Protein backbone atom coordinates (compact mmCIF):
# COMPACT_ATOMS: atom_id res chain seq x y z
CA MET A 1 0.00 0.00 0.00
CA SER A 2 1.40 3.43 -0.87
CA ASP A 3 2.13 6.11 1.69
CA SER A 4 -0.67 8.35 2.80
CA LYS A 5 -0.62 12.09 2.19
CA VAL A 6 -1.24 14.35 5.18
CA LEU A 7 -1.81 18.06 4.76
CA VAL A 8 -1.51 20.23 7.88
CA ILE A 9 -3.27 23.60 7.60
CA PHE A 10 -3.07 25.86 10.63
CA TYR A 11 -3.35 29.43 11.78
CA SER A 12 -0.98 30.67 14.44
CA ARG A 13 -0.31 34.16 15.67
CA GLY A 14 2.29 33.67 18.38
CA GLY A 15 3.67 30.24 17.52
CA LEU A 16 1.85 27.81 19.85
CA THR A 17 -0.40 26.32 17.17
CA GLU A 18 2.53 26.40 14.74
CA ARG A 19 4.67 24.29 17.10
CA LEU A 20 1.95 21.66 17.47
CA ALA A 21 1.34 21.68 13.69
CA VAL A 22 5.02 20.93 13.07
CA LEU A 23 4.99 18.15 15.69
CA LEU A 24 1.79 16.68 14.23
CA ALA A 25 3.48 16.67 10.80
CA GLU A 26 6.53 15.00 12.36
CA GLY A 27 4.26 12.28 13.78
CA ALA A 28 2.64 11.82 10.36
CA ILE A 29 6.10 11.30 8.84
CA GLN A 30 6.86 8.77 11.58
CA GLY A 31 3.63 7.03 10.53
CA GLY A 32 4.84 6.78 6.92
CA ALA A 33 3.02 9.76 5.42
CA ASN A 34 4.14 12.38 2.95
CA ILE A 35 3.27 15.77 4.41
CA ARG A 36 2.65 19.36 3.45
CA LEU A 37 2.50 22.19 6.00
CA ARG A 38 0.47 25.30 5.19
CA ARG A 39 -0.46 28.41 7.21
CA SER A 40 -3.65 30.39 6.70
CA ARG A 41 -2.90 34.06 6.24
CA ASP A 42 -3.76 36.85 8.66
CA ARG A 43 -7.11 38.56 8.11
CA MET A 44 -6.66 41.47 10.50
CA PRO A 45 -5.84 44.99 9.24
CA GLU A 46 -2.13 45.61 8.72
CA GLU A 47 -2.11 48.57 11.13
CA LEU A 48 -3.41 46.32 13.93
CA ILE A 49 -0.70 43.72 13.25
CA ALA A 50 2.02 46.38 12.96
CA ALA A 51 0.98 47.83 16.35
CA ASP A 52 2.09 44.55 17.98
CA PRO A 53 5.78 44.00 17.16
CA ALA A 54 5.77 40.36 18.32
CA TRP A 55 2.74 39.56 16.15
CA ALA A 56 4.27 41.32 13.14
CA ALA A 57 7.61 39.52 13.58
CA ASN A 58 5.96 36.11 13.96
CA ARG A 59 3.68 36.77 10.98
CA ASP A 60 6.61 37.76 8.77
CA ARG A 61 8.66 34.72 9.85
CA MET A 62 5.78 32.32 9.27
CA HIS A 63 5.02 33.87 5.87
CA ASP A 64 8.60 33.06 4.91
CA GLU A 65 8.47 29.51 6.29
CA PHE A 66 4.99 28.32 5.27
CA ALA A 67 3.10 28.57 2.01
CA THR A 68 -0.54 29.59 1.86
CA PRO A 69 -2.98 26.67 1.57
CA ARG A 70 -3.99 25.96 -2.02
CA ILE A 71 -6.88 24.01 -3.47
CA GLN A 72 -4.32 21.68 -5.09
CA ASP A 73 -3.03 20.80 -1.60
CA VAL A 74 -6.53 19.75 -0.51
CA GLU A 75 -7.00 17.68 -3.66
CA TRP A 76 -3.58 16.02 -3.07
CA ALA A 77 -4.24 15.04 0.56
CA ASP A 78 -5.76 11.87 1.97
CA VAL A 79 -6.11 13.48 5.41
CA ILE A 80 -6.07 17.14 6.41
CA ALA A 81 -5.24 18.26 9.95
CA PHE A 82 -6.68 21.71 10.67
CA GLY A 83 -5.22 23.69 13.59
CA THR A 84 -6.62 26.77 15.29
CA PRO A 85 -5.64 28.72 18.40
CA ALA A 86 -7.66 27.73 21.45
CA ALA A 87 -10.35 30.35 21.93
CA PRO A 88 -13.72 29.93 23.59
CA ALA A 89 -16.18 28.46 21.05
CA ALA A 90 -14.41 29.70 17.98
CA THR A 91 -12.30 28.65 15.04
CA SER A 92 -9.93 31.49 14.16
CA PRO A 93 -11.28 33.80 11.44
CA GLU A 94 -8.20 33.00 9.35
CA LEU A 95 -8.79 29.25 9.40
CA ALA A 96 -12.54 29.78 8.97
CA MET A 97 -11.77 31.69 5.75
CA THR A 98 -9.64 28.78 4.50
CA LEU A 99 -12.50 26.36 5.23
CA ALA A 100 -14.95 28.65 3.40
CA GLN A 101 -12.66 28.69 0.35
CA ILE A 102 -12.49 24.89 0.41
CA ALA A 103 -16.28 24.68 0.62
CA LEU A 104 -16.72 27.09 -2.31
CA GLN A 105 -13.98 25.81 -4.61
CA ILE A 106 -13.94 22.04 -4.15
CA PRO A 107 -16.88 19.89 -5.23
CA PRO A 108 -18.28 17.71 -2.42
CA ASP A 109 -17.42 14.52 -4.32
CA VAL A 110 -13.71 15.46 -4.17
CA LEU A 111 -13.90 15.75 -0.37
CA ARG A 112 -15.84 12.51 0.00
CA GLY A 113 -13.52 9.82 1.30
CA LYS A 114 -10.93 12.29 2.59
CA GLY A 115 -10.12 12.37 6.27
CA ALA A 116 -9.82 15.41 8.48
CA THR A 117 -8.96 16.11 12.08
CA ALA A 118 -8.93 19.19 14.30
CA PHE A 119 -6.33 20.40 16.78
CA THR A 120 -5.82 23.56 18.78
CA SER A 121 -2.88 25.36 20.34
CA SER A 122 -3.20 23.01 23.31
CA TYR A 123 -4.07 19.37 23.82
CA GLY A 124 -4.43 20.03 27.51
CA TYR A 125 -6.75 21.91 29.76
CA GLU A 126 -6.32 25.47 28.54
CA GLN A 127 -9.44 27.62 28.47
CA GLY A 128 -11.19 27.37 25.12
CA THR A 129 -9.41 24.22 23.96
CA GLU A 130 -12.42 21.91 23.92
CA SER A 131 -14.87 24.47 22.56
CA ALA A 132 -12.50 25.53 19.74
CA ALA A 133 -11.83 21.88 18.81
CA THR A 134 -15.57 21.12 18.88
CA ASP A 135 -16.38 24.13 16.68
CA LEU A 136 -13.68 23.19 14.18
CA GLY A 137 -14.68 19.51 14.22
CA SER A 138 -18.28 20.45 13.49
CA ARG A 139 -17.17 22.49 10.47
CA LEU A 140 -15.21 19.49 9.15
CA LEU A 141 -18.25 17.22 9.49
CA GLN A 142 -20.38 19.75 7.60
CA LEU A 143 -17.88 19.65 4.73
CA GLY A 144 -18.30 15.87 4.52
CA PHE A 145 -14.89 14.73 5.74
CA VAL A 146 -14.36 11.40 7.48
CA THR A 147 -13.28 12.79 10.84
CA LEU A 148 -10.60 11.58 13.21
CA PRO A 149 -11.10 12.72 16.82
CA ARG A 150 -8.29 14.41 18.69
CA PRO A 151 -6.41 11.97 20.89
CA ALA A 152 -6.78 12.45 24.62
CA SER A 153 -3.96 14.47 26.10
CA LEU A 154 -1.17 12.46 27.64
CA ALA A 155 -0.82 15.26 30.21
CA THR A 156 -2.82 15.42 33.41
CA PRO A 157 -3.80 18.62 35.22
CA GLY A 158 -0.95 19.86 37.37
CA ALA A 159 1.68 17.60 35.80
CA SER A 160 5.17 19.10 35.79
CA ASN A 161 6.00 17.90 32.26
CA VAL A 162 2.87 19.16 30.47
CA THR A 163 4.76 20.65 27.54
CA SER A 164 6.66 17.49 26.61
CA LEU A 165 3.47 15.41 27.00
CA GLU A 166 1.53 17.81 24.77
CA TYR A 167 4.29 17.57 22.17
CA GLU A 168 4.09 13.78 22.24
CA THR A 169 0.28 13.95 21.98
CA ALA A 170 0.70 16.02 18.78
CA ARG A 171 3.05 13.37 17.37
CA VAL A 172 0.56 10.61 18.26
CA HIS A 173 -2.13 12.65 16.50
CA GLY A 174 0.05 12.81 13.39
CA ARG A 175 0.68 9.05 13.43
CA LEU A 176 -3.07 8.45 13.74
CA ALA A 177 -3.71 10.79 10.78
CA ALA A 178 -1.15 8.87 8.70
CA SER A 179 -2.81 5.58 9.62
CA LEU A 180 -6.24 6.91 8.68
CA GLY A 181 -4.82 8.16 5.38
CA LYS A 182 -3.49 4.69 4.55
CA LYS A 183 -6.86 3.11 5.32
CA LEU A 184 -8.77 5.67 3.26
CA ARG A 185 -6.31 5.34 0.36
CA GLY A 186 -6.67 1.55 0.45
CA TRP A 187 -10.44 1.88 0.50
CA ARG A 188 -10.45 4.29 -2.48
CA ASP A 189 -8.02 2.08 -4.43
CA GLN A 190 -10.29 -0.97 -4.11
CA PRO A 191 -11.68 -2.12 -7.47
CA VAL A 192 -15.40 -1.50 -7.80
CA GLY A 193 -17.68 -4.46 -8.49
């Protein structure tokens, strides 16, 4: 069976979601997948971004490091991992715009049989994590993706090594996405009749 193809599309302002996106992609590679990493572009007015030097510097760095998601990337992928910052009950406007473009530009039959999964800037117990993941997951279901739930965090509240456990949870998530991609690819490659 050929390798699966995992596309990771994320939005990150300060780098937390970016770090988990990279680790998820690393896990997908460990699981035998080919990967592409893409970052949704900022939607806020330039003067607002420029007023926050850290935001502007991170934005410029990430623009240099990550391409903008393209429709061809979505068509290429077996599984797409979508990442958003953890915010109460909301997918970031930037990632929501990417999802709207996918919905408008890709026929539903192209998405049928593709997998998708949601992640946020935390796998742990940060405020807004569950509601953001639920909102994003709901959007993926509405688009018709076969969805992969987020793995439970390996970290427990109050643990001293939360960061390293969250990083490993992201890698596990990537390996699960690669495995789903292989299964979906095998299913699509089955002869009909």
